[in-house]
Amino acid sequence: MVSIKLIVEVFDYYHGPHVRKLWLLALAEAANDDSRAGWPSRRLLADRIGVSESYASHIASALVAEGVIKRDGGGRKGQGATRYVVAPLNGVPPGRTLFEGGDDVPG
């Protein structure tokens, strides 16, 4: 599944470091347009952006801290891939995302 709308949104509205943008684009490729969620493996994300699996995890943590994505289950040994949800990037003032202030995960 490829989320073209989400890919375009990342290109147009995410202005963070390039490696984080690449990570978001790799997630968007595996995400659903409606739910904004995807379950790409750490290996897939690392391979897509050309970094180690460990570094891919660090990038995910940075994006969570930034409020751009939310982890929603999985990601531990035996639990399968983590479900990641992308916050709306368009129309949100810089430095503020959907996930700040206790808002719910879409979908």
N, C-alpha and C. Protein backbone atom coordinates (compact mmCIF):
# COMPACT_ATOMS: atom_id res chain seq x y z
N MET A 1 0.85 -1.17 0.00
CA MET A 1 0.00 0.00 0.00
C MET A 1 0.90 1.24 0.00
N VAL A 2 0.58 2.17 -0.85
CA VAL A 2 1.32 3.43 -0.90
C VAL A 2 0.36 4.57 -0.62
N SER A 3 0.73 5.42 0.31
CA SER A 3 -0.11 6.56 0.68
C SER A 3 0.40 7.81 -0.01
N ILE A 4 -0.07 8.04 -1.22
CA ILE A 4 0.39 9.19 -2.00
C ILE A 4 0.08 10.50 -1.29
N LYS A 5 -1.12 10.65 -0.72
CA LYS A 5 -1.48 11.89 -0.04
C LYS A 5 -0.54 12.17 1.13
N LEU A 6 -0.22 11.13 1.88
CA LEU A 6 0.66 11.29 3.03
C LEU A 6 2.09 11.61 2.58
N ILE A 7 2.54 10.98 1.51
CA ILE A 7 3.87 11.27 0.97
C ILE A 7 3.96 12.75 0.56
N VAL A 8 2.96 13.23 -0.15
CA VAL A 8 2.95 14.63 -0.59
C VAL A 8 2.91 15.56 0.62
N GLU A 9 2.13 15.20 1.64
CA GLU A 9 2.05 16.02 2.84
C GLU A 9 3.42 16.12 3.53
N VAL A 10 4.15 15.01 3.60
CA VAL A 10 5.49 15.04 4.19
C VAL A 10 6.40 15.95 3.37
N PHE A 11 6.39 15.78 2.04
CA PHE A 11 7.21 16.64 1.18
C PHE A 11 6.89 18.11 1.37
N ASP A 12 5.61 18.43 1.43
CA ASP A 12 5.19 19.83 1.46
C ASP A 12 5.30 20.50 2.83
N TYR A 13 5.12 19.74 3.91
CA TYR A 13 4.95 20.39 5.21
C TYR A 13 5.96 20.00 6.28
N TYR A 14 6.72 18.93 6.11
CA TYR A 14 7.70 18.59 7.15
C TYR A 14 9.01 19.30 6.84
N HIS A 15 9.49 20.09 7.79
CA HIS A 15 10.69 20.90 7.56
C HIS A 15 11.81 20.57 8.54
N GLY A 16 11.78 19.38 9.10
CA GLY A 16 12.83 18.96 10.02
C GLY A 16 14.04 18.44 9.27
N PRO A 17 14.96 17.82 10.00
CA PRO A 17 16.18 17.29 9.38
C PRO A 17 15.87 16.29 8.26
N HIS A 18 16.72 16.27 7.26
CA HIS A 18 16.50 15.44 6.08
C HIS A 18 16.35 13.97 6.40
N VAL A 19 17.14 13.45 7.32
CA VAL A 19 17.05 12.02 7.63
C VAL A 19 15.69 11.69 8.25
N ARG A 20 15.13 12.62 9.01
CA ARG A 20 13.79 12.41 9.57
C ARG A 20 12.73 12.46 8.47
N LYS A 21 12.93 13.37 7.51
CA LYS A 21 11.99 13.45 6.39
C LYS A 21 12.02 12.14 5.59
N LEU A 22 13.21 11.61 5.35
CA LEU A 22 13.30 10.33 4.64
C LEU A 22 12.58 9.23 5.40
N TRP A 23 12.77 9.20 6.72
CA TRP A 23 12.11 8.20 7.56
C TRP A 23 10.59 8.34 7.43
N LEU A 24 10.09 9.58 7.50
CA LEU A 24 8.65 9.82 7.36
C LEU A 24 8.14 9.39 5.98
N LEU A 25 8.93 9.63 4.95
CA LEU A 25 8.53 9.20 3.61
C LEU A 25 8.46 7.69 3.51
N ALA A 26 9.41 6.99 4.15
CA ALA A 26 9.39 5.53 4.16
C ALA A 26 8.15 5.03 4.91
N LEU A 27 7.81 5.70 6.01
CA LEU A 27 6.59 5.33 6.74
C LEU A 27 5.36 5.61 5.88
N ALA A 28 5.31 6.77 5.26
CA ALA A 28 4.15 7.15 4.43
C ALA A 28 3.93 6.14 3.31
N GLU A 29 5.01 5.60 2.77
CA GLU A 29 4.89 4.59 1.71
C GLU A 29 4.12 3.38 2.21
N ALA A 30 4.26 3.06 3.49
CA ALA A 30 3.64 1.87 4.06
C ALA A 30 2.36 2.18 4.82
N ALA A 31 1.91 3.43 4.80
CA ALA A 31 0.76 3.84 5.62
C ALA A 31 -0.52 3.91 4.80
N ASN A 32 -1.62 4.01 5.51
CA ASN A 32 -2.94 4.16 4.94
C ASN A 32 -3.32 5.64 4.96
N ASP A 33 -3.85 6.14 3.85
CA ASP A 33 -4.22 7.56 3.78
C ASP A 33 -5.27 7.94 4.81
N ASP A 34 -6.25 7.09 5.04
CA ASP A 34 -7.34 7.43 5.94
C ASP A 34 -6.94 7.37 7.41
N SER A 35 -6.28 6.29 7.81
CA SER A 35 -5.91 6.14 9.23
C SER A 35 -4.59 6.82 9.56
N ARG A 36 -3.80 7.13 8.52
CA ARG A 36 -2.47 7.73 8.68
C ARG A 36 -1.53 6.79 9.42
N ALA A 37 -1.85 5.51 9.46
CA ALA A 37 -1.08 4.52 10.22
C ALA A 37 -0.43 3.51 9.30
N GLY A 38 0.73 3.01 9.75
CA GLY A 38 1.44 1.97 9.03
C GLY A 38 2.24 1.13 10.01
N TRP A 39 2.58 -0.09 9.57
CA TRP A 39 3.33 -1.03 10.39
C TRP A 39 4.62 -1.47 9.71
N PRO A 40 5.43 -0.56 9.20
CA PRO A 40 6.67 -1.00 8.55
C PRO A 40 7.65 -1.54 9.59
N SER A 41 8.39 -2.54 9.20
CA SER A 41 9.39 -3.09 10.13
C SER A 41 10.56 -2.12 10.25
N ARG A 42 11.28 -2.27 11.34
CA ARG A 42 12.48 -1.45 11.57
C ARG A 42 13.48 -1.70 10.44
N ARG A 43 13.59 -2.95 10.00
CA ARG A 43 14.50 -3.29 8.92
C ARG A 43 14.11 -2.59 7.62
N LEU A 44 12.82 -2.58 7.30
CA LEU A 44 12.36 -1.91 6.08
C LEU A 44 12.69 -0.42 6.14
N LEU A 45 12.37 0.23 7.26
CA LEU A 45 12.66 1.66 7.39
C LEU A 45 14.16 1.92 7.25
N ALA A 46 14.98 1.10 7.90
CA ALA A 46 16.44 1.27 7.82
C ALA A 46 16.93 1.08 6.39
N ASP A 47 16.45 0.05 5.72
CA ASP A 47 16.86 -0.21 4.34
C ASP A 47 16.45 0.92 3.40
N ARG A 48 15.23 1.43 3.57
CA ARG A 48 14.73 2.49 2.70
C ARG A 48 15.57 3.76 2.79
N ILE A 49 16.06 4.08 4.01
CA ILE A 49 16.77 5.36 4.18
C ILE A 49 18.28 5.19 4.30
N GLY A 50 18.77 3.95 4.27
CA GLY A 50 20.20 3.72 4.24
C GLY A 50 20.91 3.90 5.56
N VAL A 51 20.26 3.51 6.66
CA VAL A 51 20.87 3.60 7.98
C VAL A 51 20.75 2.24 8.68
N SER A 52 21.38 2.11 9.83
CA SER A 52 21.26 0.88 10.61
C SER A 52 19.86 0.81 11.24
N GLU A 53 19.47 -0.39 11.63
CA GLU A 53 18.18 -0.55 12.30
C GLU A 53 18.16 0.23 13.62
N SER A 54 19.27 0.24 14.32
CA SER A 54 19.36 0.98 15.57
C SER A 54 19.14 2.47 15.33
N TYR A 55 19.79 3.00 14.30
CA TYR A 55 19.64 4.43 14.01
C TYR A 55 18.21 4.74 13.55
N ALA A 56 17.59 3.82 12.81
CA ALA A 56 16.19 4.02 12.40
C ALA A 56 15.29 4.14 13.64
N SER A 57 15.59 3.35 14.68
CA SER A 57 14.82 3.44 15.93
C SER A 57 15.05 4.78 16.62
N HIS A 58 16.27 5.27 16.57
CA HIS A 58 16.58 6.58 17.17
C HIS A 58 15.83 7.69 16.45
N ILE A 59 15.74 7.59 15.13
CA ILE A 59 15.00 8.58 14.35
C ILE A 59 13.52 8.55 14.74
N ALA A 60 12.98 7.34 14.89
CA ALA A 60 11.57 7.21 15.30
C ALA A 60 11.35 7.88 16.65
N SER A 61 12.26 7.65 17.58
CA SER A 61 12.14 8.26 18.91
C SER A 61 12.19 9.79 18.83
N ALA A 62 13.04 10.30 17.96
CA ALA A 62 13.14 11.76 17.78
C ALA A 62 11.84 12.31 17.20
N LEU A 63 11.23 11.60 16.26
CA LEU A 63 9.98 12.04 15.66
C LEU A 63 8.83 11.97 16.66
N VAL A 64 8.85 10.97 17.54
CA VAL A 64 7.85 10.89 18.61
C VAL A 64 8.01 12.10 19.53
N ALA A 65 9.25 12.38 19.94
CA ALA A 65 9.52 13.52 20.83
C ALA A 65 9.12 14.84 20.18
N GLU A 66 9.26 14.90 18.86
CA GLU A 66 8.90 16.10 18.11
C GLU A 66 7.38 16.24 17.97
N GLY A 67 6.65 15.14 18.22
CA GLY A 67 5.20 15.17 18.09
C GLY A 67 4.69 14.93 16.70
N VAL A 68 5.55 14.45 15.81
CA VAL A 68 5.18 14.24 14.41
C VAL A 68 4.55 12.87 14.20
N ILE A 69 4.99 11.88 14.97
CA ILE A 69 4.40 10.55 14.90
C ILE A 69 4.06 10.09 16.31
N LYS A 70 3.25 9.05 16.37
CA LYS A 70 2.92 8.41 17.63
C LYS A 70 3.10 6.91 17.45
N ARG A 71 3.74 6.28 18.43
CA ARG A 71 3.84 4.82 18.44
C ARG A 71 2.57 4.29 19.07
N ASP A 72 2.05 3.24 18.48
CA ASP A 72 0.80 2.69 18.97
C ASP A 72 0.89 1.16 18.97
N GLY A 73 1.57 0.59 19.96
CA GLY A 73 1.65 -0.85 20.11
C GLY A 73 2.75 -1.51 19.30
N GLY A 74 3.02 -2.76 19.64
CA GLY A 74 4.03 -3.56 18.95
C GLY A 74 5.43 -3.07 19.23
N GLY A 75 6.37 -3.55 18.43
CA GLY A 75 7.74 -3.10 18.51
C GLY A 75 8.60 -3.83 19.51
N ARG A 76 8.03 -4.74 20.27
CA ARG A 76 8.83 -5.52 21.21
C ARG A 76 8.98 -6.93 20.67
N LYS A 77 9.98 -7.61 21.12
CA LYS A 77 10.25 -8.97 20.63
C LYS A 77 8.99 -9.83 20.74
N GLY A 78 8.61 -10.42 19.64
CA GLY A 78 7.44 -11.29 19.60
C GLY A 78 6.12 -10.57 19.38
N GLN A 79 6.12 -9.24 19.36
CA GLN A 79 4.88 -8.49 19.16
C GLN A 79 4.72 -7.97 17.74
N GLY A 80 5.68 -8.18 16.90
CA GLY A 80 5.58 -7.69 15.53
C GLY A 80 5.99 -6.24 15.41
N ALA A 81 5.75 -5.68 14.24
CA ALA A 81 6.15 -4.30 13.95
C ALA A 81 5.30 -3.32 14.74
N THR A 82 5.90 -2.19 15.04
CA THR A 82 5.19 -1.10 15.71
C THR A 82 4.22 -0.44 14.75
N ARG A 83 3.06 -0.07 15.25
CA ARG A 83 2.12 0.74 14.47
C ARG A 83 2.50 2.19 14.72
N TYR A 84 2.80 2.90 13.64
CA TYR A 84 3.10 4.32 13.72
C TYR A 84 1.95 5.09 13.09
N VAL A 85 1.61 6.22 13.70
CA VAL A 85 0.57 7.09 13.17
C VAL A 85 1.19 8.47 12.97
N VAL A 86 0.97 9.06 11.79
CA VAL A 86 1.52 10.37 11.47
C VAL A 86 0.50 11.45 11.82
N ALA A 87 0.95 12.45 12.58
CA ALA A 87 0.10 13.60 12.90
C ALA A 87 -0.13 14.41 11.64
N PRO A 88 -1.25 15.13 11.57
CA PRO A 88 -1.45 16.03 10.43
C PRO A 88 -0.32 17.07 10.39
N LEU A 89 0.28 17.23 9.24
CA LEU A 89 1.40 18.16 9.08
C LEU A 89 0.96 19.45 8.42
N ASN A 90 -0.12 19.40 7.65
CA ASN A 90 -0.58 20.60 6.94
C ASN A 90 -1.56 21.39 7.80
N GLY A 91 -1.42 22.69 7.78
CA GLY A 91 -2.33 23.54 8.52
C GLY A 91 -2.08 23.57 10.02
N VAL A 92 -0.99 22.95 10.47
CA VAL A 92 -0.65 22.95 11.88
C VAL A 92 0.52 23.91 12.07
N PRO A 93 0.41 24.86 12.99
CA PRO A 93 1.51 25.81 13.18
C PRO A 93 2.82 25.10 13.49
N PRO A 94 3.96 25.63 13.05
CA PRO A 94 5.25 25.02 13.35
C PRO A 94 5.41 24.80 14.85
N GLY A 95 5.94 23.65 15.20
CA GLY A 95 6.16 23.34 16.60
C GLY A 95 4.95 22.77 17.31
N ARG A 96 3.82 22.62 16.62
CA ARG A 96 2.61 22.07 17.25
C ARG A 96 2.07 20.96 16.35
N THR A 97 1.66 19.84 16.94
CA THR A 97 1.09 18.75 16.16
C THR A 97 -0.18 18.25 16.84
N LEU A 98 -0.89 17.40 16.15
CA LEU A 98 -2.11 16.81 16.68
C LEU A 98 -1.87 16.10 17.99
N PHE A 99 -0.73 15.47 18.18
CA PHE A 99 -0.50 14.62 19.33
C PHE A 99 -0.14 15.39 20.59
N GLU A 100 0.03 16.67 20.51
CA GLU A 100 0.28 17.46 21.71
C GLU A 100 -1.05 17.77 22.37
N GLY A 101 -1.06 17.83 23.65
CA GLY A 101 -2.26 18.21 24.37
C GLY A 101 -3.25 17.09 24.55
N GLY A 102 -2.83 15.82 24.38
CA GLY A 102 -3.67 14.68 24.68
C GLY A 102 -4.70 14.34 23.63
N ASP A 103 -4.57 14.85 22.42
CA ASP A 103 -5.50 14.51 21.36
C ASP A 103 -5.38 13.04 21.00
N ASP A 104 -6.45 12.47 20.52
CA ASP A 104 -6.48 11.05 20.19
C ASP A 104 -5.78 10.76 18.87
N VAL A 105 -5.38 9.51 18.72
CA VAL A 105 -4.81 9.03 17.48
C VAL A 105 -5.95 8.88 16.47
N PRO A 106 -5.78 9.41 15.25
CA PRO A 106 -6.83 9.23 14.25
C PRO A 106 -6.97 7.77 13.85
N GLY A 107 -8.15 7.37 13.40
CA GLY A 107 -8.40 6.04 12.87
C GLY A 107 -8.29 5.03 13.90
